[in-house]
Amino acid sequence: GTFEGKTVRLGRPGWINPGSLASDVERMQTA
């Protein structure tokens, strides 16, 4: 969608690159 003129997205890893949060995502999935 759009928020304050910027494109925003919400979705699963793979569609959105986790970047610096890769370790957090891995920790969440392991749990």
PDB file of all heavy atoms in Angstrom:
ATOM      1  N   GLY A   1       0.830  -1.192   0.000  1.00  0.00           N
ATOM      2  CA  GLY A   1       0.000   0.000   0.000  1.00  0.00           C
ATOM      3  C   GLY A   1       0.867   1.245   0.000  1.00  0.00           C
ATOM      4  O   GLY A   1       2.079   1.184  -0.270  1.00  0.00           O
ATOM      5  N   THR A   2       0.262   2.373   0.342  1.00  0.00           N
ATOM      6  CA  THR A   2       0.974   3.650   0.346  1.00  0.00           C
ATOM      7  C   THR A   2       0.784   4.330   1.685  1.00  0.00           C
ATOM      8  O   THR A   2      -0.347   4.423   2.198  1.00  0.00           O
ATOM      9  CB  THR A   2       0.442   4.559  -0.775  1.00  0.00           C
ATOM     10  OG1 THR A   2       0.584   3.895  -2.030  1.00  0.00           O
ATOM     11  CG2 THR A   2       1.229   5.874  -0.817  1.00  0.00           C
ATOM     12  N   PHE A   3       1.881   4.822   2.253  1.00  0.00           N
ATOM     13  CA  PHE A   3       1.833   5.536   3.520  1.00  0.00           C
ATOM     14  C   PHE A   3       2.774   6.738   3.435  1.00  0.00           C
ATOM     15  O   PHE A   3       3.971   6.583   3.204  1.00  0.00           O
ATOM     16  CB  PHE A   3       2.241   4.621   4.685  1.00  0.00           C
ATOM     17  CG  PHE A   3       2.307   5.313   6.007  1.00  0.00           C
ATOM     18  CD1 PHE A   3       1.161   5.852   6.583  1.00  0.00           C
ATOM     19  CD2 PHE A   3       3.514   5.454   6.679  1.00  0.00           C
ATOM     20  CE1 PHE A   3       1.207   6.490   7.816  1.00  0.00           C
ATOM     21  CE2 PHE A   3       3.571   6.091   7.917  1.00  0.00           C
ATOM     22  CZ  PHE A   3       2.412   6.610   8.484  1.00  0.00           C
ATOM     23  N   GLU A   4       2.207   7.933   3.610  1.00  0.00           N
ATOM     24  CA  GLU A   4       2.972   9.181   3.531  1.00  0.00           C
ATOM     25  C   GLU A   4       3.772   9.277   2.235  1.00  0.00           C
ATOM     26  O   GLU A   4       4.940   9.676   2.220  1.00  0.00           O
ATOM     27  CB  GLU A   4       3.903   9.316   4.751  1.00  0.00           C
ATOM     28  CG  GLU A   4       3.136   9.437   6.068  1.00  0.00           C
ATOM     29  CD  GLU A   4       4.069   9.589   7.263  1.00  0.00           C
ATOM     30  OE1 GLU A   4       5.297   9.360   7.097  1.00  0.00           O
ATOM     31  OE2 GLU A   4       3.582   9.932   8.348  1.00  0.00           O
ATOM     32  N   GLY A   5       3.130   8.839   1.143  1.00  0.00           N
ATOM     33  CA  GLY A   5       3.759   8.939  -0.167  1.00  0.00           C
ATOM     34  C   GLY A   5       4.772   7.861  -0.471  1.00  0.00           C
ATOM     35  O   GLY A   5       5.357   7.841  -1.566  1.00  0.00           O
ATOM     36  N   LYS A   6       4.982   6.935   0.451  1.00  0.00           N
ATOM     37  CA  LYS A   6       5.964   5.864   0.243  1.00  0.00           C
ATOM     38  C   LYS A   6       5.235   4.529   0.051  1.00  0.00           C
ATOM     39  O   LYS A   6       4.173   4.301   0.651  1.00  0.00           O
ATOM     40  CB  LYS A   6       6.902   5.751   1.444  1.00  0.00           C
ATOM     41  CG  LYS A   6       7.707   7.010   1.740  1.00  0.00           C
ATOM     42  CD  LYS A   6       8.531   6.815   3.006  1.00  0.00           C
ATOM     43  CE  LYS A   6       9.286   8.089   3.376  1.00  0.00           C
ATOM     44  NZ  LYS A   6      10.038   7.945   4.640  1.00  0.00           N
ATOM     45  N   THR A   7       5.829   3.676  -0.746  1.00  0.00           N
ATOM     46  CA  THR A   7       5.280   2.337  -0.929  1.00  0.00           C
ATOM     47  C   THR A   7       5.685   1.476   0.264  1.00  0.00           C
ATOM     48  O   THR A   7       6.879   1.392   0.612  1.00  0.00           O
ATOM     49  CB  THR A   7       5.799   1.699  -2.223  1.00  0.00           C
ATOM     50  OG1 THR A   7       5.378   2.492  -3.333  1.00  0.00           O
ATOM     51  CG2 THR A   7       5.257   0.279  -2.383  1.00  0.00           C
ATOM     52  N   VAL A   8       4.701   0.871   0.905  1.00  0.00           N
ATOM     53  CA  VAL A   8       4.970   0.003   2.060  1.00  0.00           C
ATOM     54  C   VAL A   8       4.462  -1.398   1.732  1.00  0.00           C
ATOM     55  O   VAL A   8       3.463  -1.568   1.026  1.00  0.00           O
ATOM     56  CB  VAL A   8       4.302   0.541   3.340  1.00  0.00           C
ATOM     57  CG1 VAL A   8       4.972   1.832   3.790  1.00  0.00           C
ATOM     58  CG2 VAL A   8       2.811   0.777   3.133  1.00  0.00           C
ATOM     59  N   ARG A   9       5.151  -2.383   2.278  1.00  0.00           N
ATOM     60  CA  ARG A   9       4.777  -3.775   2.021  1.00  0.00           C
ATOM     61  C   ARG A   9       4.861  -4.593   3.305  1.00  0.00           C
ATOM     62  O   ARG A   9       5.661  -4.302   4.203  1.00  0.00           O
ATOM     63  CB  ARG A   9       5.696  -4.405   0.961  1.00  0.00           C
ATOM     64  CG  ARG A   9       5.647  -3.741  -0.396  1.00  0.00           C
ATOM     65  CD  ARG A   9       6.275  -4.642  -1.460  1.00  0.00           C
ATOM     66  NE  ARG A   9       7.675  -4.975  -1.181  1.00  0.00           N
ATOM     67  CZ  ARG A   9       8.354  -5.914  -1.829  1.00  0.00           C
ATOM     68  NH1 ARG A   9       7.752  -6.637  -2.776  1.00  0.00           N
ATOM     69  NH2 ARG A   9       9.634  -6.151  -1.544  1.00  0.00           N
ATOM     70  N   LEU A  10       4.039  -5.632   3.374  1.00  0.00           N
ATOM     71  CA  LEU A  10       4.062  -6.596   4.478  1.00  0.00           C
ATOM     72  C   LEU A  10       3.951  -7.982   3.860  1.00  0.00           C
ATOM     73  O   LEU A  10       3.057  -8.219   3.044  1.00  0.00           O
ATOM     74  CB  LEU A  10       2.905  -6.343   5.439  1.00  0.00           C
ATOM     75  CG  LEU A  10       2.726  -7.311   6.632  1.00  0.00           C
ATOM     76  CD1 LEU A  10       2.130  -6.566   7.827  1.00  0.00           C
ATOM     77  CD2 LEU A  10       1.821  -8.490   6.283  1.00  0.00           C
ATOM     78  N   GLY A  11       4.857  -8.874   4.242  1.00  0.00           N
ATOM     79  CA  GLY A  11       4.784 -10.207   3.663  1.00  0.00           C
ATOM     80  C   GLY A  11       5.833 -11.151   4.212  1.00  0.00           C
ATOM     81  O   GLY A  11       6.575 -10.834   5.137  1.00  0.00           O
ATOM     82  N   ARG A  12       5.898 -12.300   3.598  1.00  0.00           N
ATOM     83  CA  ARG A  12       6.785 -13.357   4.071  1.00  0.00           C
ATOM     84  C   ARG A  12       8.220 -13.116   3.630  1.00  0.00           C
ATOM     85  O   ARG A  12       8.463 -12.429   2.629  1.00  0.00           O
ATOM     86  CB  ARG A  12       6.304 -14.702   3.527  1.00  0.00           C
ATOM     87  CG  ARG A  12       6.254 -14.763   2.006  1.00  0.00           C
ATOM     88  CD  ARG A  12       5.815 -16.130   1.526  1.00  0.00           C
ATOM     89  NE  ARG A  12       5.697 -16.179   0.074  1.00  0.00           N
ATOM     90  CZ  ARG A  12       6.725 -16.336  -0.756  1.00  0.00           C
ATOM     91  NH1 ARG A  12       7.954 -16.440  -0.276  1.00  0.00           N
ATOM     92  NH2 ARG A  12       6.539 -16.375  -2.064  1.00  0.00           N
ATOM     93  N   PRO A  13       9.188 -13.687   4.371  1.00  0.00           N
ATOM     94  CA  PRO A  13      10.585 -13.644   3.929  1.00  0.00           C
ATOM     95  C   PRO A  13      10.714 -14.334   2.567  1.00  0.00           C
ATOM     96  O   PRO A  13      10.112 -15.375   2.331  1.00  0.00           O
ATOM     97  CB  PRO A  13      11.321 -14.418   5.020  1.00  0.00           C
ATOM     98  CG  PRO A  13      10.442 -14.324   6.224  1.00  0.00           C
ATOM     99  CD  PRO A  13       9.035 -14.332   5.688  1.00  0.00           C
ATOM    100  N   GLY A  14      11.468 -13.748   1.691  1.00  0.00           N
ATOM    101  CA  GLY A  14      11.569 -14.264   0.330  1.00  0.00           C
ATOM    102  C   GLY A  14      10.923 -13.290  -0.624  1.00  0.00           C
ATOM    103  O   GLY A  14      11.489 -12.925  -1.651  1.00  0.00           O
ATOM    104  N   TRP A  15       9.716 -12.854  -0.258  1.00  0.00           N
ATOM    105  CA  TRP A  15       9.097 -11.777  -1.033  1.00  0.00           C
ATOM    106  C   TRP A  15       9.699 -10.440  -0.615  1.00  0.00           C
ATOM    107  O   TRP A  15       9.901  -9.557  -1.440  1.00  0.00           O
ATOM    108  CB  TRP A  15       7.588 -11.786  -0.798  1.00  0.00           C
ATOM    109  CG  TRP A  15       6.851 -10.802  -1.681  1.00  0.00           C
ATOM    110  CD1 TRP A  15       6.890 -10.729  -3.037  1.00  0.00           C
ATOM    111  CD2 TRP A  15       5.962  -9.771  -1.243  1.00  0.00           C
ATOM    112  NE1 TRP A  15       6.098  -9.709  -3.486  1.00  0.00           N
ATOM    113  CE2 TRP A  15       5.496  -9.100  -2.402  1.00  0.00           C
ATOM    114  CE3 TRP A  15       5.504  -9.335   0.003  1.00  0.00           C
ATOM    115  CZ2 TRP A  15       4.609  -8.031  -2.353  1.00  0.00           C
ATOM    116  CZ3 TRP A  15       4.607  -8.285   0.053  1.00  0.00           C
ATOM    117  CH2 TRP A  15       4.165  -7.636  -1.105  1.00  0.00           C
ATOM    118  N   ILE A  16       9.981 -10.315   0.678  1.00  0.00           N
ATOM    119  CA  ILE A  16      10.686  -9.147   1.206  1.00  0.00           C
ATOM    120  C   ILE A  16      12.032  -9.626   1.744  1.00  0.00           C
ATOM    121  O   ILE A  16      12.097 -10.599   2.503  1.00  0.00           O
ATOM    122  CB  ILE A  16       9.877  -8.456   2.327  1.00  0.00           C
ATOM    123  CG1 ILE A  16       8.555  -7.922   1.771  1.00  0.00           C
ATOM    124  CG2 ILE A  16      10.685  -7.346   2.970  1.00  0.00           C
ATOM    125  CD1 ILE A  16       7.645  -7.307   2.834  1.00  0.00           C
ATOM    126  N   ASN A  17      13.094  -8.969   1.346  1.00  0.00           N
ATOM    127  CA  ASN A  17      14.440  -9.325   1.807  1.00  0.00           C
ATOM    128  C   ASN A  17      14.608  -8.917   3.263  1.00  0.00           C
ATOM    129  O   ASN A  17      14.451  -7.730   3.598  1.00  0.00           O
ATOM    130  CB  ASN A  17      15.480  -8.621   0.931  1.00  0.00           C
ATOM    131  CG  ASN A  17      16.901  -9.119   1.218  1.00  0.00           C
ATOM    132  OD1 ASN A  17      17.150  -9.733   2.238  1.00  0.00           O
ATOM    133  ND2 ASN A  17      17.820  -8.836   0.308  1.00  0.00           N
ATOM    134  N   PRO A  18      14.942  -9.850   4.162  1.00  0.00           N
ATOM    135  CA  PRO A  18      15.070  -9.498   5.579  1.00  0.00           C
ATOM    136  C   PRO A  18      16.235  -8.575   5.885  1.00  0.00           C
ATOM    137  O   PRO A  18      16.236  -7.893   6.916  1.00  0.00           O
ATOM    138  CB  PRO A  18      15.230 -10.852   6.272  1.00  0.00           C
ATOM    139  CG  PRO A  18      15.744 -11.766   5.226  1.00  0.00           C
ATOM    140  CD  PRO A  18      15.142 -11.292   3.940  1.00  0.00           C
ATOM    141  N   GLY A  19      17.254  -8.545   5.036  1.00  0.00           N
ATOM    142  CA  GLY A  19      18.393  -7.651   5.233  1.00  0.00           C
ATOM    143  C   GLY A  19      19.035  -7.799   6.600  1.00  0.00           C
ATOM    144  O   GLY A  19      19.427  -8.897   7.008  1.00  0.00           O
ATOM    145  N   SER A  20      19.101  -6.701   7.352  1.00  0.00           N
ATOM    146  CA  SER A  20      19.757  -6.717   8.669  1.00  0.00           C
ATOM    147  C   SER A  20      18.974  -7.508   9.706  1.00  0.00           C
ATOM    148  O   SER A  20      19.487  -7.784  10.803  1.00  0.00           O
ATOM    149  CB  SER A  20      19.945  -5.274   9.170  1.00  0.00           C
ATOM    150  OG  SER A  20      18.683  -4.636   9.303  1.00  0.00           O
ATOM    151  N   LEU A  21      17.738  -7.855   9.379  1.00  0.00           N
ATOM    152  CA  LEU A  21      16.912  -8.610  10.336  1.00  0.00           C
ATOM    153  C   LEU A  21      16.940 -10.107  10.074  1.00  0.00           C
ATOM    154  O   LEU A  21      16.126 -10.840  10.622  1.00  0.00           O
ATOM    155  CB  LEU A  21      15.466  -8.108  10.267  1.00  0.00           C
ATOM    156  CG  LEU A  21      15.221  -6.657  10.696  1.00  0.00           C
ATOM    157  CD1 LEU A  21      13.757  -6.297  10.537  1.00  0.00           C
ATOM    158  CD2 LEU A  21      15.655  -6.439  12.139  1.00  0.00           C
ATOM    159  N   ALA A  22      17.871 -10.562   9.242  1.00  0.00           N
ATOM    160  CA  ALA A  22      17.932 -11.987   8.893  1.00  0.00           C
ATOM    161  C   ALA A  22      18.081 -12.867  10.129  1.00  0.00           C
ATOM    162  O   ALA A  22      17.425 -13.912  10.256  1.00  0.00           O
ATOM    163  CB  ALA A  22      19.079 -12.239   7.915  1.00  0.00           C
ATOM    164  N   SER A  23      18.937 -12.454  11.062  1.00  0.00           N
ATOM    165  CA  SER A  23      19.144 -13.268  12.268  1.00  0.00           C
ATOM    166  C   SER A  23      17.899 -13.278  13.145  1.00  0.00           C
ATOM    167  O   SER A  23      17.565 -14.289  13.765  1.00  0.00           O
ATOM    168  CB  SER A  23      20.345 -12.734  13.066  1.00  0.00           C
ATOM    169  OG  SER A  23      20.122 -11.384  13.452  1.00  0.00           O
ATOM    170  N   ASP A  24      17.175 -12.129  13.180  1.00  0.00           N
ATOM    171  CA  ASP A  24      15.942 -12.074  13.968  1.00  0.00           C
ATOM    172  C   ASP A  24      14.879 -12.991  13.372  1.00  0.00           C
ATOM    173  O   ASP A  24      14.166 -13.696  14.102  1.00  0.00           O
ATOM    174  CB  ASP A  24      15.419 -10.636  14.013  1.00  0.00           C
ATOM    175  CG  ASP A  24      16.340  -9.699  14.765  1.00  0.00           C
ATOM    176  OD1 ASP A  24      16.212  -9.628  15.998  1.00  0.00           O
ATOM    177  OD2 ASP A  24      17.200  -9.067  14.128  1.00  0.00           O
ATOM    178  N   VAL A  25      14.765 -12.965  12.049  1.00  0.00           N
ATOM    179  CA  VAL A  25      13.786 -13.823  11.375  1.00  0.00           C
ATOM    180  C   VAL A  25      14.108 -15.292  11.623  1.00  0.00           C
ATOM    181  O   VAL A  25      13.213 -16.103  11.913  1.00  0.00           O
ATOM    182  CB  VAL A  25      13.751 -13.518   9.866  1.00  0.00           C
ATOM    183  CG1 VAL A  25      12.918 -14.564   9.124  1.00  0.00           C
ATOM    184  CG2 VAL A  25      13.191 -12.121   9.614  1.00  0.00           C
ATOM    185  N   GLU A  26      15.379 -15.647  11.551  1.00  0.00           N
ATOM    186  CA  GLU A  26      15.780 -17.034  11.796  1.00  0.00           C
ATOM    187  C   GLU A  26      15.449 -17.452  13.230  1.00  0.00           C
ATOM    188  O   GLU A  26      14.978 -18.563  13.475  1.00  0.00           O
ATOM    189  CB  GLU A  26      17.272 -17.191  11.526  1.00  0.00           C
ATOM    190  CG  GLU A  26      17.765 -18.633  11.689  1.00  0.00           C
ATOM    191  CD  GLU A  26      19.256 -18.761  11.422  1.00  0.00           C
ATOM    192  OE1 GLU A  26      19.901 -17.748  11.085  1.00  0.00           O
ATOM    193  OE2 GLU A  26      19.773 -19.881  11.558  1.00  0.00           O
ATOM    194  N   ARG A  27      15.680 -16.552  14.159  1.00  0.00           N
ATOM    195  CA  ARG A  27      15.387 -16.837  15.564  1.00  0.00           C
ATOM    196  C   ARG A  27      13.890 -17.046  15.768  1.00  0.00           C
ATOM    197  O   ARG A  27      13.457 -17.961  16.481  1.00  0.00           O
ATOM    198  CB  ARG A  27      15.886 -15.682  16.423  1.00  0.00           C
ATOM    199  CG  ARG A  27      15.544 -15.786  17.899  1.00  0.00           C
ATOM    200  CD  ARG A  27      16.230 -14.669  18.676  1.00  0.00           C
ATOM    201  NE  ARG A  27      15.908 -13.372  18.126  1.00  0.00           N
ATOM    202  CZ  ARG A  27      14.808 -12.672  18.451  1.00  0.00           C
ATOM    203  NH1 ARG A  27      13.935 -13.181  19.309  1.00  0.00           N
ATOM    204  NH2 ARG A  27      14.586 -11.485  17.941  1.00  0.00           N
ATOM    205  N   MET A  28      13.078 -16.208  15.121  1.00  0.00           N
ATOM    206  CA  MET A  28      11.625 -16.344  15.240  1.00  0.00           C
ATOM    207  C   MET A  28      11.134 -17.675  14.680  1.00  0.00           C
ATOM    208  O   MET A  28      10.311 -18.361  15.282  1.00  0.00           O
ATOM    209  CB  MET A  28      10.934 -15.185  14.506  1.00  0.00           C
ATOM    210  CG  MET A  28      11.153 -13.815  15.118  1.00  0.00           C
ATOM    211  SD  MET A  28      10.511 -12.497  14.040  1.00  0.00           S
ATOM    212  CE  MET A  28      10.849 -11.036  15.043  1.00  0.00           C
ATOM    213  N   GLN A  29      11.662 -18.041  13.520  1.00  0.00           N
ATOM    214  CA  GLN A  29      11.237 -19.285  12.882  1.00  0.00           C
ATOM    215  C   GLN A  29      11.695 -20.505  13.667  1.00  0.00           C
ATOM    216  O   GLN A  29      10.984 -21.504  13.754  1.00  0.00           O
ATOM    217  CB  GLN A  29      11.747 -19.328  11.449  1.00  0.00           C
ATOM    218  CG  GLN A  29      11.100 -18.288  10.544  1.00  0.00           C
ATOM    219  CD  GLN A  29      11.696 -18.255   9.154  1.00  0.00           C
ATOM    220  OE1 GLN A  29      12.852 -18.633   8.950  1.00  0.00           O
ATOM    221  NE2 GLN A  29      10.926 -17.788   8.171  1.00  0.00           N
ATOM    222  N   THR A  30      12.886 -20.422  14.262  1.00  0.00           N
ATOM    223  CA  THR A  30      13.387 -21.531  15.076  1.00  0.00           C
ATOM    224  C   THR A  30      12.509 -21.743  16.298  1.00  0.00           C
ATOM    225  O   THR A  30      12.352 -22.872  16.778  1.00  0.00           O
ATOM    226  CB  THR A  30      14.839 -21.253  15.516  1.00  0.00           C
ATOM    227  OG1 THR A  30      15.659 -21.071  14.362  1.00  0.00           O
ATOM    228  CG2 THR A  30      15.390 -22.403  16.351  1.00  0.00           C
ATOM    229  N   ALA A  31      11.919 -20.640  16.785  1.00  0.00           N
ATOM    230  CA  ALA A  31      11.032 -20.730  17.945  1.00  0.00           C
ATOM    231  C   ALA A  31       9.628 -21.184  17.564  1.00  0.00           C
ATOM    232  O   ALA A  31       8.732 -21.210  18.407  1.00  0.00           O
ATOM    233  CB  ALA A  31      10.963 -19.380  18.653  1.00  0.00           C
TER     234      ALA A  31
END
